[in-house]
Amino acid sequence: MALWLVVVAILLSATLILALSLGPLKTAANVGTIRLFAFIQYLAAALLALARLLGKA
């Protein structure tokens, strides 16, 4: 159960970062790096969820 809460927290964090990078921070010089962090978080959440579903976590 706790792992699912971690996955949800990661997804919320990535969504917030992505929303900020598409909104107020879209003119920042390093917006590509900010979006990369969001996509890495989405990937981490997907890997954790997949590991949990396969019984490896």
Protein backbone atom coordinates (compact mmCIF):
# COMPACT_ATOMS: atom_id res chain seq x y z
CA MET A 1 0.00 0.00 0.00
CA ALA A 2 2.78 2.42 0.86
CA LEU A 3 4.39 1.88 -2.54
CA TRP A 4 1.22 3.01 -4.28
CA LEU A 5 1.25 6.19 -2.21
CA VAL A 6 4.84 6.81 -3.29
CA VAL A 7 3.86 6.29 -6.93
CA VAL A 8 0.98 8.76 -6.58
CA ALA A 9 3.28 11.30 -4.90
CA ILE A 10 5.83 10.96 -7.71
CA LEU A 11 3.10 11.38 -10.32
CA LEU A 12 1.75 14.50 -8.62
CA SER A 13 5.24 15.96 -8.36
CA ALA A 14 5.99 15.28 -12.01
CA THR A 15 2.67 16.76 -13.07
CA LEU A 16 3.33 19.92 -11.07
CA ILE A 17 6.81 20.27 -12.57
CA LEU A 18 5.49 19.72 -16.08
CA ALA A 19 2.64 22.21 -15.56
CA LEU A 20 5.08 24.83 -14.30
CA SER A 21 7.42 24.23 -17.25
CA LEU A 22 4.53 24.65 -19.69
CA GLY A 23 3.19 27.71 -17.88
CA PRO A 24 5.12 30.29 -15.87
CA LEU A 25 8.54 28.75 -16.45
CA LYS A 26 8.26 28.22 -20.22
CA THR A 27 10.57 31.15 -20.88
CA ALA A 28 13.29 29.88 -18.53
CA ALA A 29 16.65 29.16 -20.08
CA ASN A 30 16.75 25.61 -18.74
CA VAL A 31 13.13 24.61 -19.44
CA GLY A 32 14.31 21.51 -21.31
CA THR A 33 16.11 20.27 -18.22
CA ILE A 34 13.06 20.95 -16.06
CA ARG A 35 10.85 18.95 -18.43
CA LEU A 36 13.45 16.17 -18.48
CA PHE A 37 13.16 15.89 -14.68
CA ALA A 38 9.39 15.54 -15.02
CA PHE A 39 9.69 12.79 -17.63
CA ILE A 40 12.27 10.95 -15.51
CA GLN A 41 9.83 11.08 -12.60
CA TYR A 42 7.06 9.67 -14.82
CA LEU A 43 9.41 6.87 -15.86
CA ALA A 44 10.34 6.12 -12.25
CA ALA A 45 6.68 5.98 -11.24
CA ALA A 46 5.90 3.65 -14.12
CA LEU A 47 8.81 1.37 -13.23
CA LEU A 48 7.75 1.24 -9.57
CA ALA A 49 4.15 0.46 -10.51
CA LEU A 50 5.27 -2.21 -12.96
CA ALA A 51 7.57 -3.79 -10.39
CA ARG A 52 4.73 -3.84 -7.87
CA LEU A 53 2.32 -5.41 -10.35
CA LEU A 54 4.87 -8.08 -11.26
CA GLY A 55 5.52 -8.84 -7.60
CA LYS A 56 9.14 -7.68 -7.61
CA ALA A 57 8.60 -4.87 -5.11
